[in-house]
Amino acid sequence: MPKEKEPSFEKALEELESIVQDMENNEPDLADLMEKYSRGVILSQKCMKSLERAEKAMDLMVKKENDKVQELELKIERD
């Protein structure tokens, strides 16, 4: 069986929002609730990993000066 392709960040977030909305607006039975919760945890972890990778990529800024490349740490204010 071929490995299922992971959804993009946007698709994962969209599915996670849909799950949350469905859980808030409906009264799923316990089995359905547990299945949705489990899928939501997986999607949430995937989104967090994507955001962490993006944040690490943003921590370095590349600057070209006098035909030399220089990496500078990008300071991002945090909450």
N, C-alpha and C. Protein backbone atom coordinates (compact mmCIF):
# COMPACT_ATOMS: atom_id res chain seq x y z
N MET A 1 0.85 -1.18 0.00
CA MET A 1 0.00 0.00 0.00
C MET A 1 0.90 1.24 0.00
N PRO A 2 0.70 2.18 -0.95
CA PRO A 2 1.53 3.38 -1.00
C PRO A 2 1.29 4.28 0.20
N LYS A 3 2.38 4.95 0.59
CA LYS A 3 2.29 5.85 1.73
C LYS A 3 1.45 7.07 1.36
N GLU A 4 0.53 7.44 2.23
CA GLU A 4 -0.33 8.59 2.00
C GLU A 4 0.48 9.87 2.12
N LYS A 5 0.33 10.77 1.13
CA LYS A 5 1.05 12.04 1.13
C LYS A 5 0.51 12.93 2.25
N GLU A 6 1.44 13.57 2.98
CA GLU A 6 1.03 14.48 4.06
C GLU A 6 0.39 15.73 3.46
N PRO A 7 -0.65 16.24 4.11
CA PRO A 7 -1.28 17.45 3.59
C PRO A 7 -0.38 18.67 3.80
N SER A 8 -0.56 19.68 2.97
CA SER A 8 0.19 20.92 3.16
C SER A 8 -0.26 21.57 4.46
N PHE A 9 0.48 22.56 4.91
CA PHE A 9 0.11 23.28 6.13
C PHE A 9 -1.30 23.84 6.01
N GLU A 10 -1.58 24.44 4.87
CA GLU A 10 -2.89 25.07 4.67
C GLU A 10 -4.02 24.05 4.72
N LYS A 11 -3.81 22.89 4.05
CA LYS A 11 -4.83 21.84 4.03
C LYS A 11 -5.01 21.24 5.43
N ALA A 12 -3.90 21.04 6.15
CA ALA A 12 -3.97 20.49 7.51
C ALA A 12 -4.73 21.43 8.42
N LEU A 13 -4.43 22.72 8.33
CA LEU A 13 -5.11 23.72 9.16
C LEU A 13 -6.59 23.78 8.81
N GLU A 14 -6.90 23.73 7.53
CA GLU A 14 -8.29 23.76 7.09
C GLU A 14 -9.07 22.55 7.64
N GLU A 15 -8.45 21.37 7.56
CA GLU A 15 -9.10 20.17 8.09
C GLU A 15 -9.26 20.25 9.61
N LEU A 16 -8.24 20.76 10.28
CA LEU A 16 -8.30 20.90 11.74
C LEU A 16 -9.43 21.86 12.13
N GLU A 17 -9.55 22.98 11.44
CA GLU A 17 -10.63 23.93 11.72
C GLU A 17 -12.00 23.29 11.48
N SER A 18 -12.10 22.48 10.44
CA SER A 18 -13.35 21.79 10.13
C SER A 18 -13.72 20.80 11.24
N ILE A 19 -12.72 20.09 11.75
CA ILE A 19 -12.96 19.14 12.84
C ILE A 19 -13.44 19.87 14.09
N VAL A 20 -12.78 20.96 14.43
CA VAL A 20 -13.16 21.73 15.62
C VAL A 20 -14.58 22.26 15.47
N GLN A 21 -14.88 22.81 14.31
CA GLN A 21 -16.22 23.35 14.07
C GLN A 21 -17.28 22.25 14.18
N ASP A 22 -16.99 21.08 13.60
CA ASP A 22 -17.93 19.97 13.65
C ASP A 22 -18.13 19.50 15.09
N MET A 23 -17.07 19.45 15.86
CA MET A 23 -17.17 19.00 17.26
C MET A 23 -17.95 20.02 18.10
N GLU A 24 -17.80 21.31 17.77
CA GLU A 24 -18.52 22.34 18.52
C GLU A 24 -20.00 22.41 18.16
N ASN A 25 -20.31 22.19 16.88
CA ASN A 25 -21.68 22.39 16.40
C ASN A 25 -22.55 21.14 16.44
N ASN A 26 -21.96 19.97 16.51
CA ASN A 26 -22.71 18.73 16.49
C ASN A 26 -22.49 17.96 17.79
N GLU A 27 -23.23 16.93 17.95
CA GLU A 27 -23.06 16.06 19.12
C GLU A 27 -22.67 14.67 18.64
N PRO A 28 -21.38 14.51 18.28
CA PRO A 28 -20.95 13.21 17.76
C PRO A 28 -20.97 12.15 18.86
N ASP A 29 -21.14 10.89 18.44
CA ASP A 29 -21.08 9.82 19.44
C ASP A 29 -19.63 9.67 19.89
N LEU A 30 -19.42 8.92 20.94
CA LEU A 30 -18.11 8.82 21.57
C LEU A 30 -17.04 8.30 20.60
N ALA A 31 -17.37 7.28 19.81
CA ALA A 31 -16.40 6.72 18.87
C ALA A 31 -15.99 7.77 17.83
N ASP A 32 -16.95 8.51 17.30
CA ASP A 32 -16.67 9.56 16.32
C ASP A 32 -15.87 10.69 16.96
N LEU A 33 -16.22 11.04 18.17
CA LEU A 33 -15.51 12.08 18.90
C LEU A 33 -14.04 11.70 19.11
N MET A 34 -13.80 10.46 19.50
CA MET A 34 -12.42 10.01 19.73
C MET A 34 -11.62 9.99 18.42
N GLU A 35 -12.27 9.57 17.34
CA GLU A 35 -11.60 9.54 16.04
C GLU A 35 -11.24 10.95 15.59
N LYS A 36 -12.17 11.88 15.74
CA LYS A 36 -11.92 13.27 15.35
C LYS A 36 -10.85 13.92 16.24
N TYR A 37 -10.89 13.61 17.52
CA TYR A 37 -9.89 14.16 18.44
C TYR A 37 -8.50 13.66 18.06
N SER A 38 -8.40 12.36 17.78
CA SER A 38 -7.12 11.77 17.40
C SER A 38 -6.59 12.40 16.11
N ARG A 39 -7.45 12.55 15.12
CA ARG A 39 -7.03 13.18 13.86
C ARG A 39 -6.64 14.63 14.10
N GLY A 40 -7.36 15.32 14.96
CA GLY A 40 -7.04 16.70 15.28
C GLY A 40 -5.68 16.85 15.93
N VAL A 41 -5.32 15.93 16.81
CA VAL A 41 -4.00 15.96 17.45
C VAL A 41 -2.90 15.78 16.41
N ILE A 42 -3.09 14.84 15.50
CA ILE A 42 -2.10 14.61 14.44
C ILE A 42 -1.95 15.86 13.57
N LEU A 43 -3.05 16.45 13.17
CA LEU A 43 -3.01 17.65 12.33
C LEU A 43 -2.37 18.82 13.08
N SER A 44 -2.70 18.95 14.36
CA SER A 44 -2.14 20.02 15.18
C SER A 44 -0.61 19.89 15.27
N GLN A 45 -0.14 18.68 15.48
CA GLN A 45 1.31 18.44 15.56
C GLN A 45 1.99 18.75 14.23
N LYS A 46 1.35 18.38 13.13
CA LYS A 46 1.91 18.66 11.82
C LYS A 46 2.01 20.17 11.59
N CYS A 47 0.96 20.90 11.96
CA CYS A 47 0.97 22.35 11.80
C CYS A 47 2.06 22.99 12.67
N MET A 48 2.21 22.52 13.89
CA MET A 48 3.23 23.08 14.78
C MET A 48 4.63 22.83 14.24
N LYS A 49 4.88 21.65 13.70
CA LYS A 49 6.19 21.34 13.11
C LYS A 49 6.46 22.24 11.91
N SER A 50 5.45 22.46 11.09
CA SER A 50 5.60 23.34 9.93
C SER A 50 5.93 24.76 10.37
N LEU A 51 5.25 25.24 11.39
CA LEU A 51 5.51 26.59 11.90
C LEU A 51 6.90 26.70 12.51
N GLU A 52 7.34 25.65 13.22
CA GLU A 52 8.69 25.67 13.80
C GLU A 52 9.76 25.71 12.71
N ARG A 53 9.56 24.92 11.63
CA ARG A 53 10.51 24.95 10.51
C ARG A 53 10.54 26.33 9.87
N ALA A 54 9.38 26.93 9.69
CA ALA A 54 9.31 28.27 9.08
C ALA A 54 10.01 29.30 9.98
N GLU A 55 9.80 29.18 11.28
CA GLU A 55 10.43 30.11 12.21
C GLU A 55 11.94 29.99 12.17
N LYS A 56 12.46 28.76 12.12
CA LYS A 56 13.92 28.56 12.05
C LYS A 56 14.48 29.14 10.76
N ALA A 57 13.73 28.98 9.67
CA ALA A 57 14.18 29.53 8.39
C ALA A 57 14.21 31.04 8.43
N MET A 58 13.29 31.63 9.18
CA MET A 58 13.24 33.09 9.27
C MET A 58 14.28 33.65 10.23
N ASP A 59 14.89 32.79 11.04
CA ASP A 59 15.86 33.28 12.01
C ASP A 59 17.16 33.74 11.36
N LEU A 60 17.40 33.32 10.13
CA LEU A 60 18.61 33.76 9.44
C LEU A 60 18.23 34.62 8.24
N MET A 61 18.89 35.72 8.13
CA MET A 61 18.68 36.60 7.00
C MET A 61 20.00 36.66 6.24
N VAL A 62 19.93 36.48 4.96
CA VAL A 62 21.15 36.49 4.16
C VAL A 62 21.31 37.86 3.53
N LYS A 63 22.51 38.39 3.66
CA LYS A 63 22.80 39.72 3.13
C LYS A 63 24.03 39.62 2.24
N LYS A 64 23.92 40.19 1.05
CA LYS A 64 25.06 40.20 0.14
C LYS A 64 25.67 41.59 0.18
N GLU A 65 26.96 41.63 0.49
CA GLU A 65 27.65 42.91 0.61
C GLU A 65 29.05 42.75 0.06
N ASN A 66 29.45 43.60 -0.87
CA ASN A 66 30.77 43.54 -1.48
C ASN A 66 31.05 42.15 -2.06
N ASP A 67 30.06 41.59 -2.76
CA ASP A 67 30.15 40.26 -3.37
C ASP A 67 30.41 39.14 -2.38
N LYS A 68 30.13 39.36 -1.12
CA LYS A 68 30.24 38.31 -0.10
C LYS A 68 28.88 38.12 0.55
N VAL A 69 28.57 36.88 0.86
CA VAL A 69 27.30 36.58 1.50
C VAL A 69 27.52 36.53 3.00
N GLN A 70 26.66 37.22 3.72
CA GLN A 70 26.76 37.26 5.17
C GLN A 70 25.41 36.87 5.75
N GLU A 71 25.44 35.97 6.73
CA GLU A 71 24.21 35.57 7.40
C GLU A 71 24.07 36.36 8.68
N LEU A 72 22.92 36.95 8.87
CA LEU A 72 22.64 37.73 10.07
C LEU A 72 21.44 37.12 10.76
N GLU A 73 21.46 37.11 12.07
CA GLU A 73 20.32 36.60 12.80
C GLU A 73 19.19 37.61 12.73
N LEU A 74 18.04 37.13 12.37
CA LEU A 74 16.86 37.99 12.25
C LEU A 74 16.16 37.99 13.59
N LYS A 75 16.03 39.13 14.19
CA LYS A 75 15.38 39.24 15.50
C LYS A 75 13.87 39.40 15.30
N ILE A 76 13.12 38.47 15.83
CA ILE A 76 11.67 38.51 15.73
C ILE A 76 11.12 38.65 17.14
N GLU A 77 10.32 39.70 17.36
CA GLU A 77 9.74 39.89 18.67
C GLU A 77 8.72 38.80 18.95
N ARG A 78 8.74 38.30 20.15
CA ARG A 78 7.81 37.25 20.53
C ARG A 78 6.81 37.82 21.53
N ASP A 79 5.63 37.19 21.59
CA ASP A 79 4.62 37.61 22.55
C ASP A 79 5.09 37.39 23.96
